[in-house]
Amino acid sequence: MEKRKLRILVADDDHDMVLSLTALLREEGHEVFAVHHGGDVVDTVADFAPDALLLDIDLPQQNGYEIVRALRERYGSARPVIVAIAGRNHPDDHRLAEMAGFDRQLTRPFDPKELLAALASLVR
């Protein structure tokens, strides 16, 4: 069965993480666009229309929780699948991500196979 090619927005202020994720996802055949500031995410979702958003929680200008709430308000259930990329792995962090509306949270460092499996299972 052929894998579905996705449009994926990566939002992270860690340039090395963005380069790594972009290379991995493009190697898998996905179309990828990246931003580095929280204030750019909502408008880029409107312009790029991604299937999935890989979103760092601790972004400058606007944090991931605020961004997810804004996307839920603007798009409702038509929003992209949103995967949190977090540096913290405390149960409270997972609960906050879930309450904000993230579909999944991955904690750094994560296995690239875990990310690809999460995308495949969340985006149908």
Protein backbone atom coordinates (compact mmCIF):
# COMPACT_ATOMS: atom_id res chain seq x y z
CA MET A 1 0.00 0.00 0.00
CA GLU A 2 1.36 3.42 -0.96
CA LYS A 3 1.91 5.92 1.84
CA ARG A 4 -0.14 9.10 1.68
CA LYS A 5 1.99 12.17 0.97
CA LEU A 6 1.23 14.93 3.46
CA ARG A 7 1.59 18.68 3.66
CA ILE A 8 3.35 19.27 6.98
CA LEU A 9 4.09 22.55 8.73
CA VAL A 10 7.00 22.48 11.19
CA ALA A 11 7.00 25.28 13.77
CA ASP A 12 10.08 25.31 16.00
CA ASP A 13 12.62 27.95 17.00
CA ASP A 14 15.42 25.35 17.12
CA HIS A 15 16.90 25.65 13.63
CA ASP A 16 18.71 22.30 13.89
CA MET A 17 15.45 20.56 14.82
CA VAL A 18 13.71 22.20 11.86
CA LEU A 19 16.47 21.09 9.48
CA SER A 20 16.36 17.53 10.81
CA LEU A 21 12.57 17.26 10.70
CA THR A 22 12.37 18.85 7.26
CA ALA A 23 14.99 16.46 5.84
CA LEU A 24 13.31 13.40 7.40
CA LEU A 25 9.84 14.35 6.20
CA ARG A 26 10.94 15.29 2.69
CA GLU A 27 12.85 12.02 2.43
CA GLU A 28 9.53 10.30 3.16
CA GLY A 29 8.00 12.24 0.25
CA HIS A 30 6.05 14.84 2.22
CA GLU A 31 5.77 18.51 1.33
CA VAL A 32 7.18 20.53 4.22
CA PHE A 33 7.18 24.20 5.18
CA ALA A 34 8.78 25.63 8.33
CA VAL A 35 8.41 28.70 10.54
CA HIS A 36 10.45 29.71 13.58
CA HIS A 37 8.15 32.09 15.48
CA GLY A 38 4.81 31.44 17.12
CA GLY A 39 3.33 34.58 15.64
CA ASP A 40 3.72 33.12 12.13
CA VAL A 41 1.92 29.82 12.66
CA VAL A 42 -1.79 30.70 12.37
CA ASP A 43 -1.36 32.70 9.17
CA THR A 44 0.91 30.04 7.68
CA VAL A 45 -1.72 27.39 8.39
CA ALA A 46 -4.17 29.52 6.40
CA ASP A 47 -1.72 29.97 3.50
CA PHE A 48 -0.09 26.50 3.40
CA ALA A 49 -3.15 24.40 4.42
CA PRO A 50 -1.16 21.58 6.07
CA ASP A 51 -2.52 18.15 6.89
CA ALA A 52 -0.36 18.16 10.02
CA LEU A 53 1.43 20.67 12.21
CA LEU A 54 4.51 19.74 14.25
CA LEU A 55 4.49 22.44 16.90
CA ASP A 56 7.09 23.30 19.51
CA ILE A 57 5.33 24.31 22.72
CA ASP A 58 7.95 26.89 23.75
CA LEU A 59 7.98 29.24 20.77
CA PRO A 60 8.83 32.94 20.85
CA GLN A 61 6.01 35.46 20.32
CA GLN A 62 3.21 32.94 20.95
CA ASN A 63 3.47 29.58 22.71
CA GLY A 64 2.10 26.31 21.38
CA TYR A 65 -0.85 26.25 23.77
CA GLU A 66 -2.01 29.67 22.57
CA ILE A 67 -1.53 28.65 18.94
CA VAL A 68 -3.59 25.47 19.31
CA ARG A 69 -6.40 27.39 20.99
CA ALA A 70 -6.35 29.96 18.16
CA LEU A 71 -6.45 27.20 15.52
CA ARG A 72 -9.32 25.42 17.28
CA GLU A 73 -11.24 28.69 17.46
CA ARG A 74 -10.58 29.56 13.80
CA TYR A 75 -10.96 26.11 12.19
CA GLY A 76 -12.80 23.89 14.65
CA SER A 77 -12.56 20.26 13.60
CA ALA A 78 -11.22 21.31 10.16
CA ARG A 79 -7.87 22.23 11.67
CA PRO A 80 -4.77 20.18 10.85
CA VAL A 81 -3.63 17.35 13.09
CA ILE A 82 -1.34 18.95 15.68
CA VAL A 83 1.60 17.11 17.25
CA ALA A 84 3.40 18.82 20.13
CA ILE A 85 7.17 18.67 20.06
CA ALA A 86 8.17 19.26 23.67
CA GLY A 87 11.34 19.37 25.70
CA ARG A 88 9.53 18.41 28.90
CA ASN A 89 8.05 15.04 29.80
CA HIS A 90 6.15 15.70 33.01
CA PRO A 91 2.60 14.32 33.32
CA ASP A 92 1.32 17.88 33.82
CA ASP A 93 2.83 18.85 30.44
CA HIS A 94 0.97 16.02 28.71
CA ARG A 95 -2.27 17.01 30.43
CA LEU A 96 -1.84 20.66 29.42
CA ALA A 97 -1.15 19.65 25.82
CA GLU A 98 -4.25 17.47 25.74
CA MET A 99 -6.40 20.18 27.32
CA ALA A 100 -5.14 22.75 24.81
CA GLY A 101 -6.12 20.47 21.92
CA PHE A 102 -2.93 18.81 20.74
CA ASP A 103 -3.62 15.43 19.12
CA ARG A 104 -0.35 13.91 20.33
CA GLN A 105 2.81 14.93 22.21
CA LEU A 106 6.32 13.74 21.46
CA THR A 107 9.12 14.54 23.89
CA ARG A 108 12.64 15.32 22.70
CA PRO A 109 14.65 13.38 21.91
CA PHE A 110 12.22 11.12 20.08
CA ASP A 111 12.73 8.31 17.62
CA PRO A 112 12.01 9.51 14.05
CA LYS A 113 10.08 6.26 13.49
CA GLU A 114 7.78 7.24 16.36
CA LEU A 115 7.06 10.57 14.64
CA LEU A 116 6.36 8.93 11.29
CA ALA A 117 4.11 6.33 12.93
CA ALA A 118 2.23 9.05 14.80
CA LEU A 119 1.65 11.03 11.60
CA ALA A 120 0.49 7.93 9.75
CA SER A 121 -1.95 6.99 12.50
CA LEU A 122 -3.32 10.51 13.05
CA VAL A 123 -3.69 11.66 9.45
CA ARG A 124 -5.94 9.40 7.40
